Amino acid sequence: MAVPEKDIRLVRKKFEDKSEKVPDKIRLGNHFVDDFIFEDHQAADIPINALRVIFNIISIISSEQFRPEDRPKQLSLFDEEFETENNIFASIKIRNSKISPSGSTKQVVDAYEFLAKFKMAWYKSLNSKGKEIKTFGGLISTPSYDQRGFTSFLISSYWLKRLMIIPEYNYILYNLVYNIRNNKHIIFAIWLSKLPENGTVLKLSTLNKKFGLNYKTTKDFCFKFLKPARISLNTFNTFSFNYTYNKDSISIIPFLTKTILDSNNLSINTKIPPGSGETFPEQSQKINRRLMYFKRRYGLKEIEMLQFFHQYRHIPQTRVLIEKAFKEFIQINRMKGIKSTEFRGIAFLNEIQELIIKLYRNTKMGEILPNGYPIII
């Protein structure tokens, strides 16, 4: 008797949750968000424990995520490994405690059952040679509990590709799925991360449809959904939002939260380089002193410096670039015979931003991605 094609699965790679280390943030590819979470511009009602599975999958494969523009060879390797035949999968193993910290077996089972059944279908994609590759399943397939304390499952090449190959992506804090209990607030945060800086204006009917809600008035939508969501993001996220409503329209504008200026909320990316001779507190204090110097000397107002402070504090490469730009800024003004403090507030940041762009575009990365420079304003 022939085995149905959908039951034939070829496992090409195994990923395991080997580390107890908690990541600071994960990279969510826009293609995955659009296809899985917001298909047809409507948010899926994904339970909180299933969201934890998704966040942990991304955390486990994070070292293998890449932008195809940066690593074209890696794209070819993925194609060779996962897109030569139908029904190719990777195997992933996750600790149960990361899905249900309370130790509830039912929560773990329900999370995996949801992801196995949700969007279960045949999926097609074209490999680099134009060959159509088909896989069957949901985001995950065949969850099993063959090792105590862990769950193993398969993920198809179709969904793995959308999680691993990320030409466009946004950072999301890993701990959101543990700090915020309302799954819709987390899904809203994912949507919010994709908004432009100037935000968006949408009709009540559009927002109700997008998030699976049924509020009758814009006032109810704002005070019963947006207000509690904003409280959650103000408390636990690096960005939140403001909102206003007028008749049947609601304006939503994202902003960086003040908590990112708190020295107790440093990103793990600000670890000290090997051999620097500085402890973590010493480096943190040094960064704080430097930022306060910029604030006082160049009259930076709080609303002006949020993005600048965030980039300087959390991203070491950007911090180095800012310091190089500042050094050149001082030298240019000395040559012109003017005081650097003549540039105050946003004028100072504009000068530094222009120099950052110039310095960045002289680097190898700048040649590949000329518009990939850090934004500090």
Protein backbone atom coordinates (compact mmCIF):
# COMPACT_ATOMS: atom_id res chain seq x y z
CA MET A 1 0.00 0.00 0.00
CA ALA A 2 1.45 3.36 -1.04
CA VAL A 3 2.13 5.92 1.67
CA PRO A 4 0.27 9.23 1.03
CA GLU A 5 2.67 11.97 -0.08
CA LYS A 6 1.66 14.23 2.81
CA ASP A 7 2.83 11.54 5.30
CA ILE A 8 6.36 11.33 3.84
CA ARG A 9 8.71 13.63 5.76
CA LEU A 10 12.45 14.07 5.21
CA VAL A 11 14.28 15.59 8.21
CA ARG A 12 17.40 17.46 7.14
CA LYS A 13 18.45 19.36 10.26
CA LYS A 14 18.00 19.30 14.03
CA PHE A 15 17.80 22.34 16.32
CA GLU A 16 17.87 22.03 20.10
CA ASP A 17 17.22 24.36 22.98
CA LYS A 18 20.59 23.74 24.66
CA SER A 19 21.04 27.00 26.52
CA GLU A 20 19.36 28.31 29.66
CA LYS A 21 20.37 31.80 28.57
CA VAL A 22 17.44 34.12 27.91
CA PRO A 23 17.81 36.26 24.77
CA ASP A 24 17.14 39.97 24.97
CA LYS A 25 15.21 40.20 21.71
CA ILE A 26 14.34 38.20 18.62
CA ARG A 27 14.06 39.09 14.94
CA LEU A 28 10.61 38.59 13.44
CA GLY A 29 10.69 38.52 9.65
CA ASN A 30 8.00 40.60 7.97
CA HIS A 31 7.14 37.81 5.53
CA PHE A 32 6.36 35.45 8.41
CA VAL A 33 4.33 38.10 10.23
CA ASP A 34 2.30 38.87 7.09
CA ASP A 35 1.74 35.23 6.11
CA PHE A 36 1.21 33.59 9.49
CA ILE A 37 0.05 36.23 11.99
CA PHE A 38 -1.64 38.79 9.73
CA GLU A 39 -2.81 36.87 6.68
CA ASP A 40 -5.16 39.08 4.60
CA HIS A 41 -4.36 41.91 7.05
CA GLN A 42 -6.26 40.20 9.88
CA ALA A 43 -4.57 39.10 13.10
CA ALA A 44 -4.80 35.44 13.99
CA ASP A 45 -6.03 34.77 17.53
CA ILE A 46 -2.91 32.88 18.59
CA PRO A 47 -2.99 31.82 22.28
CA ILE A 48 -0.27 33.11 24.58
CA ASN A 49 1.41 29.71 25.02
CA ALA A 50 1.49 29.16 21.25
CA LEU A 51 3.12 32.59 20.91
CA ARG A 52 5.75 31.37 23.39
CA VAL A 53 6.44 28.40 21.11
CA ILE A 54 6.92 30.76 18.14
CA PHE A 55 9.22 33.09 20.09
CA ASN A 56 11.31 30.13 21.26
CA ILE A 57 11.56 28.66 17.77
CA ILE A 58 12.96 31.99 16.56
CA SER A 59 15.30 32.20 19.54
CA ILE A 60 16.70 28.71 18.83
CA ILE A 61 17.31 29.34 15.12
CA SER A 62 18.45 32.96 15.62
CA SER A 63 22.11 32.25 14.87
CA GLU A 64 21.04 30.93 11.44
CA GLN A 65 18.77 33.84 10.50
CA PHE A 66 20.13 36.07 7.74
CA ARG A 67 19.32 38.74 5.19
CA PRO A 68 19.81 37.34 1.67
CA GLU A 69 21.34 40.65 0.52
CA ASP A 70 24.08 40.28 3.13
CA ARG A 71 24.72 36.53 2.72
CA PRO A 72 23.77 35.35 -0.79
CA LYS A 73 25.85 32.17 -0.37
CA GLN A 74 23.81 31.24 2.70
CA LEU A 75 20.67 31.53 0.58
CA SER A 76 22.10 28.98 -1.87
CA LEU A 77 23.00 26.63 1.00
CA PHE A 78 19.45 26.82 2.38
CA ASP A 79 18.13 26.06 -1.10
CA GLU A 80 20.38 23.01 -1.42
CA GLU A 81 19.49 21.72 2.04
CA PHE A 82 15.75 22.35 2.20
CA GLU A 83 14.36 23.04 -1.26
CA THR A 84 15.36 20.12 -3.49
CA GLU A 85 12.45 17.78 -2.71
CA ASN A 86 8.89 17.90 -1.38
CA ASN A 87 8.15 17.59 2.34
CA ILE A 88 11.57 18.47 3.77
CA PHE A 89 11.53 19.40 7.45
CA ALA A 90 13.78 20.47 10.32
CA SER A 91 13.42 19.02 13.81
CA ILE A 92 13.25 21.33 16.83
CA LYS A 93 13.25 20.54 20.56
CA ILE A 94 12.06 23.03 23.22
CA ARG A 95 11.96 22.81 27.02
CA ASN A 96 8.38 22.53 28.27
CA SER A 97 9.09 25.01 31.07
CA LYS A 98 9.60 27.73 28.45
CA ILE A 99 6.06 27.18 27.18
CA SER A 100 4.40 26.79 30.56
CA PRO A 101 6.56 28.19 33.39
CA SER A 102 3.88 26.96 35.84
CA GLY A 103 4.50 23.37 34.70
CA SER A 104 1.04 22.76 33.24
CA THR A 105 1.13 19.79 30.85
CA LYS A 106 -2.26 20.82 29.44
CA GLN A 107 -0.95 24.28 28.50
CA VAL A 108 1.99 22.71 26.67
CA VAL A 109 -0.17 20.17 24.84
CA ASP A 110 -2.77 22.81 23.87
CA ALA A 111 -0.07 25.15 22.51
CA TYR A 112 1.45 22.52 20.24
CA GLU A 113 -1.95 21.18 19.13
CA PHE A 114 -2.98 24.69 18.10
CA LEU A 115 0.16 25.25 16.01
CA ALA A 116 -0.10 21.79 14.42
CA LYS A 117 -3.70 22.37 13.30
CA PHE A 118 -3.63 26.12 12.58
CA LYS A 119 -3.15 26.79 8.84
CA MET A 120 -2.62 23.08 8.16
CA ALA A 121 -2.44 22.86 4.37
CA TRP A 122 -0.25 22.18 1.36
CA TYR A 123 2.26 25.00 0.81
CA LYS A 124 4.21 25.71 -2.35
CA SER A 125 7.37 27.69 -3.00
CA LEU A 126 9.84 27.98 -5.85
CA ASN A 127 13.52 27.20 -5.32
CA SER A 128 16.34 29.07 -7.04
CA LYS A 129 16.03 26.83 -10.11
CA GLY A 130 12.34 27.56 -10.50
CA LYS A 131 11.25 24.13 -9.27
CA GLU A 132 8.03 24.02 -7.26
CA ILE A 133 8.54 22.56 -3.77
CA LYS A 134 5.52 21.38 -1.77
CA THR A 135 5.18 20.70 1.95
CA PHE A 136 2.17 19.71 4.05
CA GLY A 137 1.37 20.76 7.61
CA GLY A 138 0.80 23.65 9.97
CA LEU A 139 3.64 25.70 11.43
CA ILE A 140 4.68 22.54 13.28
CA SER A 141 3.99 18.84 12.69
CA THR A 142 4.07 15.65 14.78
CA PRO A 143 4.86 17.03 18.26
CA SER A 144 6.19 14.30 20.56
CA TYR A 145 7.36 14.01 24.16
CA ASP A 146 10.13 11.42 23.83
CA GLN A 147 12.42 13.16 26.34
CA ARG A 148 11.23 14.17 29.79
CA GLY A 149 10.81 17.93 30.09
CA PHE A 150 11.05 18.60 26.32
CA THR A 151 8.79 18.57 23.28
CA SER A 152 10.14 17.73 19.82
CA PHE A 153 8.38 18.59 16.56
CA LEU A 154 8.98 19.19 12.88
CA ILE A 155 8.81 22.47 11.00
CA SER A 156 8.48 22.49 7.23
CA SER A 157 10.91 24.10 4.82
CA TYR A 158 8.13 26.52 3.84
CA TRP A 159 7.76 28.06 7.31
CA LEU A 160 11.43 27.63 8.23
CA LYS A 161 12.32 29.73 5.19
CA ARG A 162 10.04 32.54 6.38
CA LEU A 163 11.50 32.43 9.88
CA MET A 164 15.14 32.08 8.87
CA ILE A 165 15.50 34.19 5.71
CA ILE A 166 14.53 37.72 6.72
CA PRO A 167 15.12 40.42 4.08
CA GLU A 168 12.98 42.71 6.26
CA TYR A 169 12.46 42.24 9.98
CA ASN A 170 11.73 43.98 13.26
CA TYR A 171 13.07 43.32 16.74
CA ILE A 172 10.65 42.15 19.42
CA LEU A 173 11.57 41.64 23.08
CA TYR A 174 11.68 37.93 23.86
CA ASN A 175 10.20 38.39 27.33
CA LEU A 176 7.01 40.04 26.05
CA VAL A 177 5.35 36.62 25.93
CA TYR A 178 6.16 36.12 29.62
CA ASN A 179 5.55 39.64 30.95
CA ILE A 180 2.28 40.29 29.09
CA ARG A 181 -0.55 37.78 29.54
CA ASN A 182 -2.97 39.19 26.95
CA ASN A 183 -2.16 37.59 23.59
CA LYS A 184 -3.84 40.40 21.63
CA HIS A 185 -1.55 42.97 23.27
CA ILE A 186 1.50 41.02 22.06
CA ILE A 187 0.08 40.67 18.55
CA PHE A 188 -0.67 44.41 18.61
CA ALA A 189 2.97 45.06 19.62
CA ILE A 190 4.15 42.99 16.64
CA TRP A 191 1.91 45.04 14.33
CA LEU A 192 3.05 48.28 15.98
CA SER A 193 6.72 47.42 15.33
CA LYS A 194 5.99 47.58 11.58
CA LEU A 195 4.42 51.04 11.63
CA PRO A 196 6.35 54.04 10.25
CA GLU A 197 7.52 56.66 12.75
CA ASN A 198 4.65 59.00 11.84
CA GLY A 199 2.13 56.25 12.62
CA THR A 200 -1.14 55.53 10.87
CA VAL A 201 -4.82 56.51 10.84
CA LEU A 202 -7.38 53.72 10.44
CA LYS A 203 -11.14 53.46 10.65
CA LEU A 204 -12.76 51.66 13.59
CA SER A 205 -14.14 48.96 11.29
CA THR A 206 -10.64 48.27 9.92
CA LEU A 207 -9.10 47.96 13.39
CA ASN A 208 -11.95 45.76 14.64
CA LYS A 209 -11.47 43.45 11.67
CA LYS A 210 -7.67 43.47 11.95
CA PHE A 211 -7.62 42.40 15.62
CA GLY A 212 -10.79 40.30 15.76
CA LEU A 213 -12.67 42.77 17.95
CA ASN A 214 -16.22 44.14 17.90
CA TYR A 215 -16.26 47.55 19.56
CA LYS A 216 -19.18 49.80 18.60
CA THR A 217 -17.46 53.18 19.01
CA THR A 218 -13.94 54.58 18.62
CA LYS A 219 -14.11 55.66 22.26
CA ASP A 220 -14.74 52.08 23.39
CA PHE A 221 -11.94 50.76 21.16
CA CYS A 222 -9.48 53.29 22.59
CA PHE A 223 -10.39 52.94 26.25
CA LYS A 224 -11.15 49.22 26.38
CA PHE A 225 -8.42 47.93 24.06
CA LEU A 226 -5.78 50.54 23.22
CA LYS A 227 -5.45 52.01 26.72
CA PRO A 228 -4.69 48.67 28.48
CA ALA A 229 -2.42 47.66 25.59
CA ARG A 230 -0.48 50.91 25.98
CA ILE A 231 -0.11 50.35 29.74
CA SER A 232 1.35 46.89 29.02
CA LEU A 233 3.80 48.22 26.41
CA ASN A 234 4.77 51.25 28.52
CA THR A 235 5.72 48.85 31.30
CA PHE A 236 7.36 45.98 29.43
CA ASN A 237 8.41 47.10 25.97
CA THR A 238 11.01 49.39 24.38
CA PHE A 239 8.32 51.07 22.30
CA SER A 240 4.71 52.02 22.92
CA PHE A 241 2.23 54.38 21.27
CA ASN A 242 -0.07 57.36 21.59
CA TYR A 243 -3.58 57.43 20.17
CA THR A 244 -6.36 59.90 19.39
CA TYR A 245 -9.79 59.38 17.89
CA ASN A 246 -12.10 61.54 15.81
CA LYS A 247 -15.50 60.35 14.62
CA ASP A 248 -14.86 56.87 13.13
CA SER A 249 -11.07 57.21 12.75
CA ILE A 250 -8.26 56.38 15.18
CA SER A 251 -4.69 57.70 14.95
CA ILE A 252 -1.90 55.50 16.36
CA ILE A 253 1.66 56.86 16.63
CA PRO A 254 4.51 54.69 18.00
CA PHE A 255 7.27 56.05 20.22
CA LEU A 256 10.27 54.76 22.14
CA THR A 257 9.44 54.33 25.82
CA LYS A 258 11.24 56.25 28.55
CA THR A 259 12.28 52.96 30.18
CA ILE A 260 15.00 52.59 27.56
CA LEU A 261 16.82 55.46 29.27
CA ASP A 262 16.88 53.51 32.51
CA SER A 263 20.30 52.05 33.20
CA ASN A 264 18.59 48.99 34.67
CA ASN A 265 17.09 48.19 31.26
CA LEU A 266 20.29 47.78 29.28
CA SER A 267 20.31 45.46 26.31
CA ILE A 268 22.52 42.39 26.55
CA ASN A 269 24.15 43.71 23.39
CA THR A 270 26.08 46.17 25.51
CA LYS A 271 28.37 43.52 26.92
CA ILE A 272 31.97 44.56 27.39
CA PRO A 273 34.39 43.57 24.64
CA PRO A 274 36.96 40.94 25.71
CA GLY A 275 40.08 42.45 27.16
CA SER A 276 38.54 45.86 27.86
CA GLY A 277 39.37 45.56 31.54
CA GLU A 278 36.02 47.10 32.53
CA THR A 279 33.27 45.43 34.54
CA PHE A 280 29.68 45.70 33.36
CA PRO A 281 28.73 48.37 35.97
CA GLU A 282 31.79 50.43 35.03
CA GLN A 283 30.84 50.36 31.35
CA SER A 284 27.23 51.23 32.19
CA GLN A 285 28.31 54.20 34.29
CA LYS A 286 30.67 55.36 31.56
CA ILE A 287 27.85 55.29 28.99
CA ASN A 288 25.51 57.17 31.36
CA ARG A 289 28.10 59.89 32.00
CA ARG A 290 28.73 60.29 28.29
CA LEU A 291 25.04 60.62 27.51
CA MET A 292 24.55 63.19 30.27
CA TYR A 293 27.50 65.14 28.80
CA PHE A 294 25.79 65.30 25.39
CA LYS A 295 22.49 66.26 27.00
CA ARG A 296 23.89 69.15 29.06
CA ARG A 297 26.47 70.49 26.62
CA TYR A 298 24.21 70.53 23.58
CA GLY A 299 20.88 71.27 25.24
CA LEU A 300 19.13 68.08 24.25
CA LYS A 301 15.49 67.90 25.27
CA GLU A 302 13.96 64.62 26.38
CA ILE A 303 11.75 64.21 23.31
CA GLU A 304 14.74 64.90 21.03
CA MET A 305 17.16 62.50 22.64
CA LEU A 306 15.09 59.30 22.97
CA GLN A 307 16.26 57.74 19.70
CA PHE A 308 19.82 59.06 20.14
CA PHE A 309 20.07 57.64 23.67
CA HIS A 310 18.56 54.31 22.59
CA GLN A 311 21.05 53.86 19.74
CA TYR A 312 24.04 54.94 21.85
CA ARG A 313 23.16 52.83 24.87
CA HIS A 314 21.96 49.60 23.24
CA ILE A 315 23.99 49.16 20.04
CA PRO A 316 27.78 49.09 20.48
CA GLN A 317 28.52 49.45 16.74
CA THR A 318 26.35 52.56 16.56
CA ARG A 319 27.98 53.95 19.70
CA VAL A 320 31.39 53.69 18.02
CA LEU A 321 30.00 55.38 14.90
CA ILE A 322 28.47 58.21 16.96
CA GLU A 323 31.80 58.83 18.71
CA LYS A 324 33.63 58.95 15.35
CA ALA A 325 31.03 61.35 13.99
CA PHE A 326 31.31 63.53 17.11
CA LYS A 327 35.11 63.64 16.83
CA GLU A 328 34.82 64.77 13.20
CA PHE A 329 32.13 67.28 14.19
CA ILE A 330 34.54 68.90 16.68
CA GLN A 331 37.40 68.97 14.16
CA ILE A 332 35.23 70.58 11.46
CA ASN A 333 34.05 73.32 13.79
CA ARG A 334 37.61 74.05 14.96
CA MET A 335 38.70 74.43 11.35
CA LYS A 336 35.80 76.84 10.77
CA GLY A 337 36.65 78.76 13.96
CA ILE A 338 33.23 78.27 15.56
CA LYS A 339 32.17 76.73 18.84
CA SER A 340 30.50 73.34 18.61
CA THR A 341 27.96 74.48 21.22
CA GLU A 342 26.47 76.88 18.68
CA PHE A 343 24.57 73.78 17.55
CA ARG A 344 21.89 73.09 20.13
CA GLY A 345 19.25 70.40 20.45
CA ILE A 346 17.96 69.05 17.15
CA ALA A 347 20.53 71.12 15.19
CA PHE A 348 23.33 69.24 16.97
CA LEU A 349 21.69 65.86 16.27
CA ASN A 350 21.23 66.80 12.60
CA GLU A 351 24.96 67.52 12.28
CA ILE A 352 25.88 64.21 13.90
CA GLN A 353 23.35 62.33 11.75
CA GLU A 354 24.87 63.74 8.53
CA LEU A 355 28.35 62.67 9.62
CA ILE A 356 27.08 59.20 10.60
CA ILE A 357 25.66 58.77 7.09
CA LYS A 358 28.96 59.88 5.54
CA LEU A 359 31.08 57.58 7.74
CA TYR A 360 28.71 54.63 7.32
CA ARG A 361 28.71 54.88 3.52
CA ASN A 362 32.50 54.67 3.53
CA THR A 363 32.32 51.21 5.14
CA LYS A 364 31.94 47.83 3.42
CA MET A 365 28.41 47.50 4.74
CA GLY A 366 27.64 50.97 3.44
CA GLU A 367 28.62 49.88 -0.06
CA ILE A 368 26.23 46.92 0.12
CA LEU A 369 23.36 48.71 1.91
CA PRO A 370 23.84 52.46 1.42
CA ASN A 371 20.63 53.31 3.31
CA GLY A 372 21.26 50.96 6.23
CA TYR A 373 22.84 53.65 8.43
CA PRO A 374 21.59 54.11 12.03
CA ILE A 375 18.95 56.78 12.64
CA ILE A 376 19.51 58.89 15.78
CA ILE A 377 16.79 61.52 15.33
